[in-house]
C-alpha atoms as a PDB file:
ATOM      1  CA  MET A   1       0.120   0.058  -0.050  1.00  0.00           C
ATOM      2  CA  LYS A   2       1.046   3.183  -1.211  1.00  0.00           C
ATOM      3  CA  ILE A   3       1.372   6.096   1.223  1.00  0.00           C
ATOM      4  CA  LEU A   4      -0.222   9.341  -0.022  1.00  0.00           C
ATOM      5  CA  LEU A   5       1.613  12.677   1.105  1.00  0.00           C
ATOM      6  CA  HIS A   6      -0.148  16.099   1.227  1.00  0.00           C
ATOM      7  CA  ARG A   7       1.617  19.411   1.016  1.00  0.00           C
ATOM      8  CA  LYS A   8       1.107  21.859   3.412  1.00  0.00           C
ATOM      9  CA  PHE A   9      -1.310  24.685   2.099  1.00  0.00           C
ATOM     10  CA  GLN A  10       0.069  27.879   1.685  1.00  0.00           C
ATOM     11  CA  LEU A  11      -1.506  30.737   3.410  1.00  0.00           C
ATOM     12  CA  ASN A  12       0.971  33.061   2.382  1.00  0.00           C
ATOM     13  CA  MET A  13      -0.055  33.274  -1.384  1.00  0.00           C
ATOM     14  CA  ARG A  14      -0.837  36.859  -1.129  1.00  0.00           C
ATOM     15  CA  LYS A  15       3.034  37.338  -0.723  1.00  0.00           C
ATOM     16  CA  ASN A  16       3.530  36.358  -4.495  1.00  0.00           C
ATOM     17  CA  PHE A  17       0.942  38.707  -6.017  1.00  0.00           C
ATOM     18  CA  PHE A  18       2.419  41.725  -7.887  1.00  0.00           C
ATOM     19  CA  PRO A  19       1.019  44.754  -6.136  1.00  0.00           C
ATOM     20  CA  LEU A  20       2.434  43.339  -2.621  1.00  0.00           C
ATOM     21  CA  ARG A  21       5.447  42.816  -3.809  1.00  0.00           C
ATOM     22  CA  VAL A  22       6.094  46.003  -5.354  1.00  0.00           C
ATOM     23  CA  THR A  23       4.609  48.550  -2.937  1.00  0.00           C
ATOM     24  CA  GLU A  24       7.018  47.045  -0.182  1.00  0.00           C
ATOM     25  CA  HIS A  25       9.824  48.031  -2.291  1.00  0.00           C
ATOM     26  CA  TRP A  26       8.374  51.043  -3.462  1.00  0.00           C
ATOM     27  CA  ASN A  27       7.731  52.413   0.239  1.00  0.00           C
ATOM     28  CA  ARG A  28      11.234  52.172   0.835  1.00  0.00           C
ATOM     29  CA  LEU A  29      12.735  54.295  -1.706  1.00  0.00           C
ATOM     30  CA  PRO A  30      13.567  57.801  -1.038  1.00  0.00           C
ATOM     31  CA  ARG A  31      11.072  60.538  -1.537  1.00  0.00           C
ATOM     32  CA  GLU A  32      13.352  62.242  -4.251  1.00  0.00           C
ATOM     33  CA  VAL A  33      13.016  59.015  -6.227  1.00  0.00           C
ATOM     34  CA  VAL A  34       9.105  59.034  -5.990  1.00  0.00           C
ATOM     35  CA  GLU A  35       8.213  62.303  -6.217  1.00  0.00           C
ATOM     36  CA  SER A  36      10.400  62.417  -9.733  1.00  0.00           C
ATOM     37  CA  PRO A  37       8.595  64.768 -12.061  1.00  0.00           C
ATOM     38  CA  SER A  38       9.419  62.763 -15.296  1.00  0.00           C
ATOM     39  CA  LEU A  39      10.230  59.491 -16.069  1.00  0.00           C
ATOM     40  CA  GLU A  40      13.721  60.146 -17.116  1.00  0.00           C
ATOM     41  CA  ILE A  41      14.348  61.832 -13.898  1.00  0.00           C
ATOM     42  CA  PHE A  42      12.643  58.741 -12.253  1.00  0.00           C
ATOM     43  CA  LYS A  43      15.107  56.229 -13.837  1.00  0.00           C
ATOM     44  CA  THR A  44      18.154  58.560 -12.987  1.00  0.00           C
ATOM     45  CA  HIS A  45      17.379  58.424  -9.362  1.00  0.00           C
ATOM     46  CA  LEU A  46      16.403  54.851  -8.826  1.00  0.00           C
ATOM     47  CA  ASP A  47      20.015  53.828 -10.741  1.00  0.00           C
ATOM     48  CA  LYS A  48      21.807  56.143  -8.291  1.00  0.00           C
ATOM     49  CA  VAL A  49      19.889  54.431  -5.164  1.00  0.00           C
ATOM     50  CA  LEU A  50      20.260  51.005  -6.789  1.00  0.00           C
ATOM     51  CA  CYS A  51      23.737  51.520  -7.440  1.00  0.00           C
ATOM     52  CA  SER A  52      24.495  52.698  -4.214  1.00  0.00           C
ATOM     53  CA  LEU A  53      22.495  49.876  -2.504  1.00  0.00           C
ATOM     54  CA  LEU A  54      24.092  47.160  -4.376  1.00  0.00           C
ATOM     55  CA  TRP A  55      27.934  48.918  -3.108  1.00  0.00           C
ATOM     56  CA  VAL A  56      26.460  49.099   0.639  1.00  0.00           C
ATOM     57  CA  THR A  57      25.684  45.313   0.154  1.00  0.00           C
ATOM     58  CA  LEU A  58      29.027  44.651  -1.966  1.00  0.00           C
ATOM     59  CA  LEU A  59      31.013  46.180   0.880  1.00  0.00           C
ATOM     60  CA  GLY A  60      29.071  44.817   3.845  1.00  0.00           C
ATOM     61  CA  GLN A  61      29.741  41.194   2.679  1.00  0.00           C
ATOM     62  CA  GLY A  62      33.449  41.781   1.775  1.00  0.00           C
ATOM     63  CA  GLY A  63      32.739  40.793  -2.039  1.00  0.00           C
ATOM     64  CA  TRP A  64      34.458  43.964  -3.567  1.00  0.00           C
ATOM     65  CA  THR A  65      38.261  44.768  -2.709  1.00  0.00           C
ATOM     66  CA  ARG A  66      40.736  46.733  -4.329  1.00  0.00           C
END
């Protein structure tokens, strides 16, 4: 006789929905990025924020050496 196994039902399915994932990151952005007057300025500010975040992450983990 074969035993049937069942998975736990995932009650945290909402974490996978796009709006919930995006709003969490959006709310963490600095005000200058969120309130950008144009798409081009938004992209420029976002790029600066993400680059600085990447540098902090790399330096904190010791992943980047000069």
